[in-house]
Amino acid sequence: MRSVMIVDDETAMREILKIMLRDYKVIEASNGKEAVELYKKEKPDLVLMDIMMPVMSGIDAVKEIKKIDPNAKIVAITAYASTKGEKAIEVGVDRIVRKPFTRKEILKIVEEYLK
C-alpha cells in the first residue's frame, strides 16, 4: 500500500486529510522536526507538508528531508502560498496547494504523484 505522510500542526487538518486519503497508509507528524524523524523511518511515497508550523517550519523540514532523500516527493499545503510559495519551491517542494482545498483536488494530486 502506498504511503502518504501528512505534516501539519493543526490536528483538525491532519484528520481531514486522513479521511480524504483513507485508501492510503497515512503517517502523521505535527511539526517539521517530527516529519524529518518519521521520514527517515517510514520513507513515505509522498509528503503533504504544511509550511507554517512551530518547532521546525515546513521549509526547514523540506531542506532536511531532501538531504536524506533528494528524490522525495513533497507537496506544500499552505494558506500562505503567495508569500511562502516561492521559498518552498526554492527548497525543493514539487508543488503548492492552497488552503482551503477540495478532496477532489488532493486526490488528483496524490494519484498523480503515486502512479
PDB file of N, CA and C in Angstrom:
ATOM      1  N   MET A   1       0.847  -1.193   0.000  1.00  0.00           N
ATOM      2  CA  MET A   1       0.000   0.000   0.000  1.00  0.00           C
ATOM      3  C   MET A   1       0.886   1.248   0.000  1.00  0.00           C
ATOM      4  N   ARG A   2       0.562   2.199  -0.864  1.00  0.00           N
ATOM      5  CA  ARG A   2       1.340   3.433  -0.956  1.00  0.00           C
ATOM      6  C   ARG A   2       1.122   4.261   0.309  1.00  0.00           C
ATOM      7  N   SER A   3       2.154   4.991   0.717  1.00  0.00           N
ATOM      8  CA  SER A   3       2.045   5.756   1.957  1.00  0.00           C
ATOM      9  C   SER A   3       2.198   7.258   1.721  1.00  0.00           C
ATOM     10  N   VAL A   4       1.434   8.008   2.514  1.00  0.00           N
ATOM     11  CA  VAL A   4       1.454   9.465   2.454  1.00  0.00           C
ATOM     12  C   VAL A   4       1.675   9.982   3.874  1.00  0.00           C
ATOM     13  N   MET A   5       2.660  10.861   4.027  1.00  0.00           N
ATOM     14  CA  MET A   5       2.870  11.490   5.323  1.00  0.00           C
ATOM     15  C   MET A   5       2.220  12.862   5.308  1.00  0.00           C
ATOM     16  N   ILE A   6       1.377  13.106   6.312  1.00  0.00           N
ATOM     17  CA  ILE A   6       0.694  14.385   6.472  1.00  0.00           C
ATOM     18  C   ILE A   6       1.400  15.131   7.600  1.00  0.00           C
ATOM     19  N   VAL A   7       1.895  16.316   7.290  1.00  0.00           N
ATOM     20  CA  VAL A   7       2.607  17.112   8.290  1.00  0.00           C
ATOM     21  C   VAL A   7       1.869  18.435   8.465  1.00  0.00           C
ATOM     22  N   ASP A   8       1.247  18.608   9.629  1.00  0.00           N
ATOM     23  CA  ASP A   8       0.506  19.834   9.916  1.00  0.00           C
ATOM     24  C   ASP A   8       0.372  19.963  11.423  1.00  0.00           C
ATOM     25  N   ASP A   9       0.554  21.170  11.936  1.00  0.00           N
ATOM     26  CA  ASP A   9       0.442  21.368  13.390  1.00  0.00           C
ATOM     27  C   ASP A   9      -1.015  21.391  13.852  1.00  0.00           C
ATOM     28  N   GLU A  10      -1.952  21.518  12.927  1.00  0.00           N
ATOM     29  CA  GLU A  10      -3.372  21.512  13.296  1.00  0.00           C
ATOM     30  C   GLU A  10      -3.936  20.095  13.212  1.00  0.00           C
ATOM     31  N   THR A  11      -4.364  19.581  14.356  1.00  0.00           N
ATOM     32  CA  THR A  11      -4.933  18.232  14.424  1.00  0.00           C
ATOM     33  C   THR A  11      -6.109  18.080  13.467  1.00  0.00           C
ATOM     34  N   ALA A  12      -6.985  19.082  13.405  1.00  0.00           N
ATOM     35  CA  ALA A  12      -8.174  19.014  12.544  1.00  0.00           C
ATOM     36  C   ALA A  12      -7.777  18.856  11.078  1.00  0.00           C
ATOM     37  N   MET A  13      -6.730  19.553  10.647  1.00  0.00           N
ATOM     38  CA  MET A  13      -6.279  19.460   9.261  1.00  0.00           C
ATOM     39  C   MET A  13      -5.743  18.052   8.980  1.00  0.00           C
ATOM     40  N   ARG A  14      -4.998  17.488   9.916  1.00  0.00           N
ATOM     41  CA  ARG A  14      -4.492  16.112   9.736  1.00  0.00           C
ATOM     42  C   ARG A  14      -5.659  15.134   9.652  1.00  0.00           C
ATOM     43  N   GLU A  15      -6.664  15.327  10.481  1.00  0.00           N
ATOM     44  CA  GLU A  15      -7.836  14.440  10.477  1.00  0.00           C
ATOM     45  C   GLU A  15      -8.585  14.515   9.145  1.00  0.00           C
ATOM     46  N   ILE A  16      -8.774  15.731   8.644  1.00  0.00           N
ATOM     47  CA  ILE A  16      -9.477  15.920   7.358  1.00  0.00           C
ATOM     48  C   ILE A  16      -8.714  15.201   6.250  1.00  0.00           C
ATOM     49  N   LEU A  17      -7.411  15.403   6.206  1.00  0.00           N
ATOM     50  CA  LEU A  17      -6.597  14.771   5.160  1.00  0.00           C
ATOM     51  C   LEU A  17      -6.590  13.253   5.311  1.00  0.00           C
ATOM     52  N   LYS A  18      -6.555  12.785   6.552  1.00  0.00           N
ATOM     53  CA  LYS A  18      -6.566  11.335   6.801  1.00  0.00           C
ATOM     54  C   LYS A  18      -7.851  10.703   6.251  1.00  0.00           C
ATOM     55  N   ILE A  19      -8.956  11.376   6.448  1.00  0.00           N
ATOM     56  CA  ILE A  19     -10.236  10.879   5.921  1.00  0.00           C
ATOM     57  C   ILE A  19     -10.206  10.893   4.390  1.00  0.00           C
ATOM     58  N   MET A  20      -9.699  11.978   3.821  1.00  0.00           N
ATOM     59  CA  MET A  20      -9.620  12.086   2.358  1.00  0.00           C
ATOM     60  C   MET A  20      -8.735  10.991   1.755  1.00  0.00           C
ATOM     61  N   LEU A  21      -7.708  10.611   2.493  1.00  0.00           N
ATOM     62  CA  LEU A  21      -6.706   9.666   1.982  1.00  0.00           C
ATOM     63  C   LEU A  21      -6.850   8.277   2.594  1.00  0.00           C
ATOM     64  N   ARG A  22      -8.076   7.905   2.896  1.00  0.00           N
ATOM     65  CA  ARG A  22      -8.312   6.620   3.572  1.00  0.00           C
ATOM     66  C   ARG A  22      -7.857   5.394   2.769  1.00  0.00           C
ATOM     67  N   ASP A  23      -7.627   5.549   1.458  1.00  0.00           N
ATOM     68  CA  ASP A  23      -7.175   4.418   0.649  1.00  0.00           C
ATOM     69  C   ASP A  23      -5.655   4.251   0.672  1.00  0.00           C
ATOM     70  N   TYR A  24      -4.986   5.086   1.444  1.00  0.00           N
ATOM     71  CA  TYR A  24      -3.523   5.024   1.543  1.00  0.00           C
ATOM     72  C   TYR A  24      -3.110   4.794   2.991  1.00  0.00           C
ATOM     73  N   LYS A  25      -1.882   4.324   3.171  1.00  0.00           N
ATOM     74  CA  LYS A  25      -1.316   4.259   4.525  1.00  0.00           C
ATOM     75  C   LYS A  25      -0.935   5.699   4.868  1.00  0.00           C
ATOM     76  N   VAL A  26      -1.470   6.216   5.977  1.00  0.00           N
ATOM     77  CA  VAL A  26      -1.204   7.598   6.364  1.00  0.00           C
ATOM     78  C   VAL A  26      -0.295   7.632   7.586  1.00  0.00           C
ATOM     79  N   ILE A  27       0.749   8.449   7.487  1.00  0.00           N
ATOM     80  CA  ILE A  27       1.678   8.683   8.582  1.00  0.00           C
ATOM     81  C   ILE A  27       1.484  10.146   8.962  1.00  0.00           C
ATOM     82  N   GLU A  28       1.411  10.430  10.261  1.00  0.00           N
ATOM     83  CA  GLU A  28       1.151  11.803  10.695  1.00  0.00           C
ATOM     84  C   GLU A  28       2.308  12.388  11.493  1.00  0.00           C
ATOM     85  N   ALA A  29       2.581  13.667  11.249  1.00  0.00           N
ATOM     86  CA  ALA A  29       3.552  14.409  12.044  1.00  0.00           C
ATOM     87  C   ALA A  29       2.953  15.781  12.337  1.00  0.00           C
ATOM     88  N   SER A  30       3.223  16.295  13.544  1.00  0.00           N
ATOM     89  CA  SER A  30       2.612  17.566  13.933  1.00  0.00           C
ATOM     90  C   SER A  30       3.565  18.756  13.802  1.00  0.00           C
ATOM     91  N   ASN A  31       4.811  18.495  13.398  1.00  0.00           N
ATOM     92  CA  ASN A  31       5.744  19.593  13.126  1.00  0.00           C
ATOM     93  C   ASN A  31       6.870  19.092  12.227  1.00  0.00           C
ATOM     94  N   GLY A  32       7.690  19.996  11.757  1.00  0.00           N
ATOM     95  CA  GLY A  32       8.753  19.643  10.827  1.00  0.00           C
ATOM     96  C   GLY A  32       9.783  18.686  11.390  1.00  0.00           C
ATOM     97  N   LYS A  33      10.138  18.878  12.660  1.00  0.00           N
ATOM     98  CA  LYS A  33      11.137  18.013  13.300  1.00  0.00           C
ATOM     99  C   LYS A  33      10.644  16.557  13.337  1.00  0.00           C
ATOM    100  N   GLU A  34       9.393  16.399  13.745  1.00  0.00           N
ATOM    101  CA  GLU A  34       8.765  15.066  13.774  1.00  0.00           C
ATOM    102  C   GLU A  34       8.743  14.467  12.360  1.00  0.00           C
ATOM    103  N   ALA A  35       8.440  15.309  11.376  1.00  0.00           N
ATOM    104  CA  ALA A  35       8.366  14.854   9.983  1.00  0.00           C
ATOM    105  C   ALA A  35       9.703  14.294   9.505  1.00  0.00           C
ATOM    106  N   VAL A  36      10.789  14.978   9.839  1.00  0.00           N
ATOM    107  CA  VAL A  36      12.121  14.543   9.420  1.00  0.00           C
ATOM    108  C   VAL A  36      12.442  13.182  10.039  1.00  0.00           C
ATOM    109  N   GLU A  37      12.178  13.039  11.343  1.00  0.00           N
ATOM    110  CA  GLU A  37      12.441  11.769  12.036  1.00  0.00           C
ATOM    111  C   GLU A  37      11.598  10.634  11.437  1.00  0.00           C
ATOM    112  N   LEU A  38      10.305  10.911  11.219  1.00  0.00           N
ATOM    113  CA  LEU A  38       9.420   9.892  10.646  1.00  0.00           C
ATOM    114  C   LEU A  38       9.794   9.559   9.211  1.00  0.00           C
ATOM    115  N   TYR A  39      10.252  10.553   8.474  1.00  0.00           N
ATOM    116  CA  TYR A  39      10.645  10.293   7.081  1.00  0.00           C
ATOM    117  C   TYR A  39      11.779   9.272   7.042  1.00  0.00           C
ATOM    118  N   LYS A  40      12.753   9.445   7.923  1.00  0.00           N
ATOM    119  CA  LYS A  40      13.898   8.509   7.980  1.00  0.00           C
ATOM    120  C   LYS A  40      13.416   7.082   8.211  1.00  0.00           C
ATOM    121  N   LYS A  41      12.463   6.920   9.121  1.00  0.00           N
ATOM    122  CA  LYS A  41      11.959   5.579   9.484  1.00  0.00           C
ATOM    123  C   LYS A  41      11.014   5.002   8.439  1.00  0.00           C
ATOM    124  N   GLU A  42      10.072   5.817   7.995  1.00  0.00           N
ATOM    125  CA  GLU A  42       8.958   5.322   7.183  1.00  0.00           C
ATOM    126  C   GLU A  42       9.160   5.408   5.668  1.00  0.00           C
ATOM    127  N   LYS A  43       9.983   6.329   5.210  1.00  0.00           N
ATOM    128  CA  LYS A  43      10.195   6.564   3.765  1.00  0.00           C
ATOM    129  C   LYS A  43       8.863   6.580   2.995  1.00  0.00           C
ATOM    130  N   PRO A  44       7.970   7.537   3.323  1.00  0.00           N
ATOM    131  CA  PRO A  44       6.672   7.585   2.633  1.00  0.00           C
ATOM    132  C   PRO A  44       6.842   7.897   1.140  1.00  0.00           C
ATOM    133  N   ASP A  45       5.854   7.496   0.361  1.00  0.00           N
ATOM    134  CA  ASP A  45       5.880   7.734  -1.081  1.00  0.00           C
ATOM    135  C   ASP A  45       5.636   9.212  -1.424  1.00  0.00           C
ATOM    136  N   LEU A  46       4.928   9.899  -0.537  1.00  0.00           N
ATOM    137  CA  LEU A  46       4.595  11.303  -0.761  1.00  0.00           C
ATOM    138  C   LEU A  46       4.450  12.003   0.588  1.00  0.00           C
ATOM    139  N   VAL A  47       4.852  13.273   0.648  1.00  0.00           N
ATOM    140  CA  VAL A  47       4.697  14.073   1.864  1.00  0.00           C
ATOM    141  C   VAL A  47       3.818  15.277   1.535  1.00  0.00           C
ATOM    142  N   LEU A  48       2.785  15.491   2.357  1.00  0.00           N
ATOM    143  CA  LEU A  48       1.948  16.692   2.273  1.00  0.00           C
ATOM    144  C   LEU A  48       2.366  17.562   3.457  1.00  0.00           C
ATOM    145  N   MET A  49       3.043  18.664   3.181  1.00  0.00           N
ATOM    146  CA  MET A  49       3.725  19.457   4.204  1.00  0.00           C
ATOM    147  C   MET A  49       3.130  20.841   4.373  1.00  0.00           C
ATOM    148  N   ASP A  50       2.676  21.127   5.591  1.00  0.00           N
ATOM    149  CA  ASP A  50       2.282  22.491   5.925  1.00  0.00           C
ATOM    150  C   ASP A  50       3.569  23.314   5.996  1.00  0.00           C
ATOM    151  N   ILE A  51       3.498  24.600   5.744  1.00  0.00           N
ATOM    152  CA  ILE A  51       4.691  25.439   5.747  1.00  0.00           C
ATOM    153  C   ILE A  51       4.908  26.122   7.099  1.00  0.00           C
ATOM    154  N   MET A  52       3.849  26.703   7.653  1.00  0.00           N
ATOM    155  CA  MET A  52       3.960  27.455   8.904  1.00  0.00           C
ATOM    156  C   MET A  52       3.628  26.538  10.087  1.00  0.00           C
ATOM    157  N   MET A  53       4.690  26.132  10.829  1.00  0.00           N
ATOM    158  CA  MET A  53       4.500  25.262  11.993  1.00  0.00           C
ATOM    159  C   MET A  53       5.500  25.628  13.082  1.00  0.00           C
ATOM    160  N   PRO A  54       5.146  25.325  14.338  1.00  0.00           N
ATOM    161  CA  PRO A  54       6.108  25.547  15.426  1.00  0.00           C
ATOM    162  C   PRO A  54       7.190  24.451  15.405  1.00  0.00           C
ATOM    163  N   VAL A  55       8.182  24.582  16.236  1.00  0.00           N
ATOM    164  CA  VAL A  55       9.307  23.658  16.406  1.00  0.00           C
ATOM    165  C   VAL A  55      10.246  23.699  15.195  1.00  0.00           C
ATOM    166  N   MET A  56       9.761  23.279  14.018  1.00  0.00           N
ATOM    167  CA  MET A  56      10.532  23.389  12.782  1.00  0.00           C
ATOM    168  C   MET A  56       9.545  23.660  11.657  1.00  0.00           C
ATOM    169  N   SER A  57       9.821  24.684  10.873  1.00  0.00           N
ATOM    170  CA  SER A  57       8.908  25.046   9.781  1.00  0.00           C
ATOM    171  C   SER A  57       8.927  23.992   8.677  1.00  0.00           C
ATOM    172  N   GLY A  58       7.927  24.053   7.840  1.00  0.00           N
ATOM    173  CA  GLY A  58       7.869  23.158   6.687  1.00  0.00           C
ATOM    174  C   GLY A  58       9.037  23.383   5.738  1.00  0.00           C
ATOM    175  N   ILE A  59       9.460  24.627   5.591  1.00  0.00           N
ATOM    176  CA  ILE A  59      10.599  24.959   4.717  1.00  0.00           C
ATOM    177  C   ILE A  59      11.852  24.237   5.217  1.00  0.00           C
ATOM    178  N   ASP A  60      12.125  24.347   6.523  1.00  0.00           N
ATOM    179  CA  ASP A  60      13.316  23.697   7.092  1.00  0.00           C
ATOM    180  C   ASP A  60      13.202  22.177   7.024  1.00  0.00           C
ATOM    181  N   ALA A  61      11.999  21.669   7.239  1.00  0.00           N
ATOM    182  CA  ALA A  61      11.786  20.216   7.162  1.00  0.00           C
ATOM    183  C   ALA A  61      12.036  19.710   5.742  1.00  0.00           C
ATOM    184  N   VAL A  62      11.574  20.460   4.744  1.00  0.00           N
ATOM    185  CA  VAL A  62      11.798  20.063   3.348  1.00  0.00           C
ATOM    186  C   VAL A  62      13.298  20.001   3.065  1.00  0.00           C
ATOM    187  N   LYS A  63      14.048  21.007   3.524  1.00  0.00           N
ATOM    188  CA  LYS A  63      15.511  21.021   3.331  1.00  0.00           C
ATOM    189  C   LYS A  63      16.138  19.752   3.907  1.00  0.00           C
ATOM    190  N   GLU A  64      15.730  19.395   5.131  1.00  0.00           N
ATOM    191  CA  GLU A  64      16.293  18.215   5.808  1.00  0.00           C
ATOM    192  C   GLU A  64      15.903  16.922   5.098  1.00  0.00           C
ATOM    193  N   ILE A  65      14.647  16.819   4.707  1.00  0.00           N
ATOM    194  CA  ILE A  65      14.173  15.604   4.016  1.00  0.00           C
ATOM    195  C   ILE A  65      14.888  15.447   2.674  1.00  0.00           C
ATOM    196  N   LYS A  66      15.101  16.552   1.973  1.00  0.00           N
ATOM    197  CA  LYS A  66      15.799  16.490   0.674  1.00  0.00           C
ATOM    198  C   LYS A  66      17.254  16.058   0.841  1.00  0.00           C
ATOM    199  N   LYS A  67      17.860  16.359   2.008  1.00  0.00           N
ATOM    200  CA  LYS A  67      19.232  15.881   2.281  1.00  0.00           C
ATOM    201  C   LYS A  67      19.220  14.363   2.442  1.00  0.00           C
ATOM    202  N   ILE A  68      18.183  13.846   3.105  1.00  0.00           N
ATOM    203  CA  ILE A  68      18.040  12.401   3.330  1.00  0.00           C
ATOM    204  C   ILE A  68      17.726  11.702   2.010  1.00  0.00           C
ATOM    205  N   ASP A  69      16.798  12.299   1.250  1.00  0.00           N
ATOM    206  CA  ASP A  69      16.324  11.696   0.011  1.00  0.00           C
ATOM    207  C   ASP A  69      16.064  12.794  -1.029  1.00  0.00           C
ATOM    208  N   PRO A  70      17.051  13.043  -1.909  1.00  0.00           N
ATOM    209  CA  PRO A  70      16.888  14.100  -2.914  1.00  0.00           C
ATOM    210  C   PRO A  70      15.685  13.880  -3.848  1.00  0.00           C
ATOM    211  N   ASN A  71      15.194  12.638  -3.923  1.00  0.00           N
ATOM    212  CA  ASN A  71      14.043  12.331  -4.781  1.00  0.00           C
ATOM    213  C   ASN A  71      12.712  12.341  -4.044  1.00  0.00           C
ATOM    214  N   ALA A  72      12.714  12.761  -2.787  1.00  0.00           N
ATOM    215  CA  ALA A  72      11.469  12.809  -2.008  1.00  0.00           C
ATOM    216  C   ALA A  72      10.432  13.648  -2.735  1.00  0.00           C
ATOM    217  N   LYS A  73       9.194  13.154  -2.756  1.00  0.00           N
ATOM    218  CA  LYS A  73       8.090  13.883  -3.376  1.00  0.00           C
ATOM    219  C   LYS A  73       7.359  14.632  -2.268  1.00  0.00           C
ATOM    220  N   ILE A  74       7.392  15.962  -2.354  1.00  0.00           N
ATOM    221  CA  ILE A  74       6.807  16.789  -1.304  1.00  0.00           C
ATOM    222  C   ILE A  74       5.886  17.840  -1.912  1.00  0.00           C
ATOM    223  N   VAL A  75       4.653  17.865  -1.408  1.00  0.00           N
ATOM    224  CA  VAL A  75       3.673  18.865  -1.822  1.00  0.00           C
ATOM    225  C   VAL A  75       3.409  19.755  -0.610  1.00  0.00           C
ATOM    226  N   ALA A  76       3.602  21.053  -0.791  1.00  0.00           N
ATOM    227  CA  ALA A  76       3.327  22.007   0.290  1.00  0.00           C
ATOM    228  C   ALA A  76       1.849  22.339   0.295  1.00  0.00           C
ATOM    229  N   ILE A  77       1.278  22.359   1.499  1.00  0.00           N
ATOM    230  CA  ILE A  77      -0.118  22.768   1.652  1.00  0.00           C
ATOM    231  C   ILE A  77      -0.103  23.973   2.579  1.00  0.00           C
ATOM    232  N   THR A  78      -0.551  25.120   2.057  1.00  0.00           N
ATOM    233  CA  THR A  78      -0.439  26.335   2.857  1.00  0.00           C
ATOM    234  C   THR A  78      -1.512  27.357   2.537  1.00  0.00           C
ATOM    235  N   ALA A  79      -1.817  28.157   3.525  1.00  0.00           N
ATOM    236  CA  ALA A  79      -2.715  29.289   3.320  1.00  0.00           C
ATOM    237  C   ALA A  79      -1.894  30.503   2.887  1.00  0.00           C
ATOM    238  N   TYR A  80      -0.565  30.352   2.938  1.00  0.00           N
ATOM    239  CA  TYR A  80       0.336  31.468   2.649  1.00  0.00           C
ATOM    240  C   TYR A  80       1.077  31.283   1.329  1.00  0.00           C
ATOM    241  N   ALA A  81       0.416  30.725   0.331  1.00  0.00           N
ATOM    242  CA  ALA A  81       1.062  30.417  -0.949  1.00  0.00           C
ATOM    243  C   ALA A  81       1.705  31.635  -1.598  1.00  0.00           C
ATOM    244  N   SER A  82       1.054  32.776  -1.487  1.00  0.00           N
ATOM    245  CA  SER A  82       1.596  33.962  -2.161  1.00  0.00           C
ATOM    246  C   SER A  82       2.885  34.452  -1.513  1.00  0.00           C
ATOM    247  N   THR A  83       3.015  34.320  -0.199  1.00  0.00           N
ATOM    248  CA  THR A  83       4.218  34.818   0.468  1.00  0.00           C
ATOM    249  C   THR A  83       5.271  33.738   0.697  1.00  0.00           C
ATOM    250  N   LYS A  84       4.869  32.505   0.923  1.00  0.00           N
ATOM    251  CA  LYS A  84       5.823  31.433   1.247  1.00  0.00           C
ATOM    252  C   LYS A  84       6.073  30.484   0.078  1.00  0.00           C
ATOM    253  N   GLY A  85       5.254  30.566  -0.946  1.00  0.00           N
ATOM    254  CA  GLY A  85       5.339  29.629  -2.057  1.00  0.00           C
ATOM    255  C   GLY A  85       6.672  29.607  -2.771  1.00  0.00           C
ATOM    256  N   GLU A  86       7.207  30.782  -3.037  1.00  0.00           N
ATOM    257  CA  GLU A  86       8.470  30.874  -3.760  1.00  0.00           C
ATOM    258  C   GLU A  86       9.596  30.184  -2.982  1.00  0.00           C
ATOM    259  N   LYS A  87       9.646  30.440  -1.684  1.00  0.00           N
ATOM    260  CA  LYS A  87      10.670  29.833  -0.825  1.00  0.00           C
ATOM    261  C   LYS A  87      10.515  28.310  -0.802  1.00  0.00           C
ATOM    262  N   ALA A  88       9.278  27.843  -0.757  1.00  0.00           N
ATOM    263  CA  ALA A  88       9.010  26.399  -0.748  1.00  0.00           C
ATOM    264  C   ALA A  88       9.534  25.743  -2.024  1.00  0.00           C
ATOM    265  N   ILE A  89       9.306  26.378  -3.149  1.00  0.00           N
ATOM    266  CA  ILE A  89       9.783  25.853  -4.435  1.00  0.00           C
ATOM    267  C   ILE A  89      11.319  25.845  -4.453  1.00  0.00           C
ATOM    268  N   GLU A  90      11.921  26.921  -3.951  1.00  0.00           N
ATOM    269  CA  GLU A  90      13.390  27.022  -3.901  1.00  0.00           C
ATOM    270  C   GLU A  90      14.018  25.863  -3.148  1.00  0.00           C
ATOM    271  N   VAL A  91      13.399  25.437  -2.053  1.00  0.00           N
ATOM    272  CA  VAL A  91      13.995  24.367  -1.239  1.00  0.00           C
ATOM    273  C   VAL A  91      13.628  22.962  -1.719  1.00  0.00           C
ATOM    274  N   GLY A  92      12.795  22.867  -2.761  1.00  0.00           N
ATOM    275  CA  GLY A  92      12.559  21.552  -3.351  1.00  0.00           C
ATOM    276  C   GLY A  92      11.159  20.991  -3.320  1.00  0.00           C
ATOM    277  N   VAL A  93      10.183  21.799  -2.930  1.00  0.00           N
ATOM    278  CA  VAL A  93       8.798  21.333  -2.958  1.00  0.00           C
ATOM    279  C   VAL A  93       8.388  21.130  -4.421  1.00  0.00           C
ATOM    280  N   ASP A  94       7.682  20.040  -4.694  1.00  0.00           N
ATOM    281  CA  ASP A  94       7.268  19.723  -6.061  1.00  0.00           C
ATOM    282  C   ASP A  94       6.071  20.547  -6.522  1.00  0.00           C
ATOM    283  N   ARG A  95       5.247  20.933  -5.555  1.00  0.00           N
ATOM    284  CA  ARG A  95       4.010  21.625  -5.899  1.00  0.00           C
ATOM    285  C   ARG A  95       3.457  22.311  -4.653  1.00  0.00           C
ATOM    286  N   ILE A  96       2.613  23.319  -4.877  1.00  0.00           N
ATOM    287  CA  ILE A  96       1.980  24.020  -3.763  1.00  0.00           C
ATOM    288  C   ILE A  96       0.470  23.945  -3.919  1.00  0.00           C
ATOM    289  N   VAL A  97      -0.197  23.580  -2.837  1.00  0.00           N
ATOM    290  CA  VAL A  97      -1.658  23.542  -2.806  1.00  0.00           C
ATOM    291  C   VAL A  97      -2.104  24.583  -1.787  1.00  0.00           C
ATOM    292  N   ARG A  98      -3.050  25.403  -2.197  1.00  0.00           N
ATOM    293  CA  ARG A  98      -3.572  26.436  -1.299  1.00  0.00           C
ATOM    294  C   ARG A  98      -4.683  25.889  -0.417  1.00  0.00           C
ATOM    295  N   LYS A  99      -4.647  26.290   0.862  1.00  0.00           N
ATOM    296  CA  LYS A  99      -5.774  26.038   1.755  1.00  0.00           C
ATOM    297  C   LYS A  99      -6.758  27.175   1.508  1.00  0.00           C
ATOM    298  N   PRO A 100      -8.054  26.942   1.503  1.00  0.00           N
ATOM    299  CA  PRO A 100      -8.724  25.637   1.587  1.00  0.00           C
ATOM    300  C   PRO A 100      -8.657  24.899   0.247  1.00  0.00           C
ATOM    301  N   PHE A 101      -8.699  23.579   0.323  1.00  0.00           N
ATOM    302  CA  PHE A 101      -8.645  22.741  -0.871  1.00  0.00           C
ATOM    303  C   PHE A 101      -9.819  21.777  -0.836  1.00  0.00           C
ATOM    304  N   THR A 102     -10.058  21.096  -1.958  1.00  0.00           N
ATOM    305  CA  THR A 102     -11.146  20.119  -2.008  1.00  0.00           C
ATOM    306  C   THR A 102     -10.561  18.707  -1.973  1.00  0.00           C
ATOM    307  N   ARG A 103     -11.394  17.748  -1.627  1.00  0.00           N
ATOM    308  CA  ARG A 103     -10.973  16.341  -1.623  1.00  0.00           C
ATOM    309  C   ARG A 103     -10.538  15.935  -3.030  1.00  0.00           C
ATOM    310  N   LYS A 104     -11.312  16.375  -4.021  1.00  0.00           N
ATOM    311  CA  LYS A 104     -11.025  16.043  -5.421  1.00  0.00           C
ATOM    312  C   LYS A 104      -9.621  16.543  -5.809  1.00  0.00           C
ATOM    313  N   GLU A 105      -9.330  17.776  -5.412  1.00  0.00           N
ATOM    314  CA  GLU A 105      -8.027  18.383  -5.714  1.00  0.00           C
ATOM    315  C   GLU A 105      -6.883  17.579  -5.068  1.00  0.00           C
ATOM    316  N   ILE A 106      -7.045  17.238  -3.797  1.00  0.00           N
ATOM    317  CA  ILE A 106      -5.999  16.481  -3.082  1.00  0.00           C
ATOM    318  C   ILE A 106      -5.820  15.095  -3.700  1.00  0.00           C
ATOM    319  N   LEU A 107      -6.916  14.393  -3.954  1.00  0.00           N
ATOM    320  CA  LEU A 107      -6.811  13.042  -4.524  1.00  0.00           C
ATOM    321  C   LEU A 107      -6.162  13.061  -5.906  1.00  0.00           C
ATOM    322  N   LYS A 108      -6.490  14.051  -6.702  1.00  0.00           N
ATOM    323  CA  LYS A 108      -5.903  14.165  -8.043  1.00  0.00           C
ATOM    324  C   LYS A 108      -4.382  14.315  -7.931  1.00  0.00           C
ATOM    325  N   ILE A 109      -3.939  15.168  -7.030  1.00  0.00           N
ATOM    326  CA  ILE A 109      -2.501  15.402  -6.842  1.00  0.00           C
ATOM    327  C   ILE A 109      -1.816  14.147  -6.303  1.00  0.00           C
ATOM    328  N   VAL A 110      -2.401  13.525  -5.295  1.00  0.00           N
ATOM    329  CA  VAL A 110      -1.813  12.318  -4.705  1.00  0.00           C
ATOM    330  C   VAL A 110      -1.703  11.219  -5.761  1.00  0.00           C
ATOM    331  N   GLU A 111      -2.765  11.007  -6.508  1.00  0.00           N
ATOM    332  CA  GLU A 111      -2.748   9.970  -7.558  1.00  0.00           C
ATOM    333  C   GLU A 111      -1.697  10.276  -8.615  1.00  0.00           C
ATOM    334  N   GLU A 112      -1.568  11.536  -8.958  1.00  0.00           N
ATOM    335  CA  GLU A 112      -0.575  11.957  -9.954  1.00  0.00           C
ATOM    336  C   GLU A 112       0.839  11.600  -9.489  1.00  0.00           C
ATOM    337  N   TYR A 113       1.147  11.842  -8.234  1.00  0.00           N
ATOM    338  CA  TYR A 113       2.489  11.561  -7.713  1.00  0.00           C
ATOM    339  C   TYR A 113       2.719  10.095  -7.395  1.00  0.00           C
ATOM    340  N   LEU A 114       1.663   9.350  -7.177  1.00  0.00           N
ATOM    341  CA  LEU A 114       1.829   7.946  -6.760  1.00  0.00           C
ATOM    342  C   LEU A 114       1.547   6.924  -7.850  1.00  0.00           C
ATOM    343  N   LYS A 115       1.312   7.383  -9.087  1.00  0.00           N
ATOM    344  CA  LYS A 115       1.025   6.382 -10.133  1.00  0.00           C
ATOM    345  C   LYS A 115       2.280   5.658 -10.566  1.00  0.00           C
TER     346      LYS A 115
END
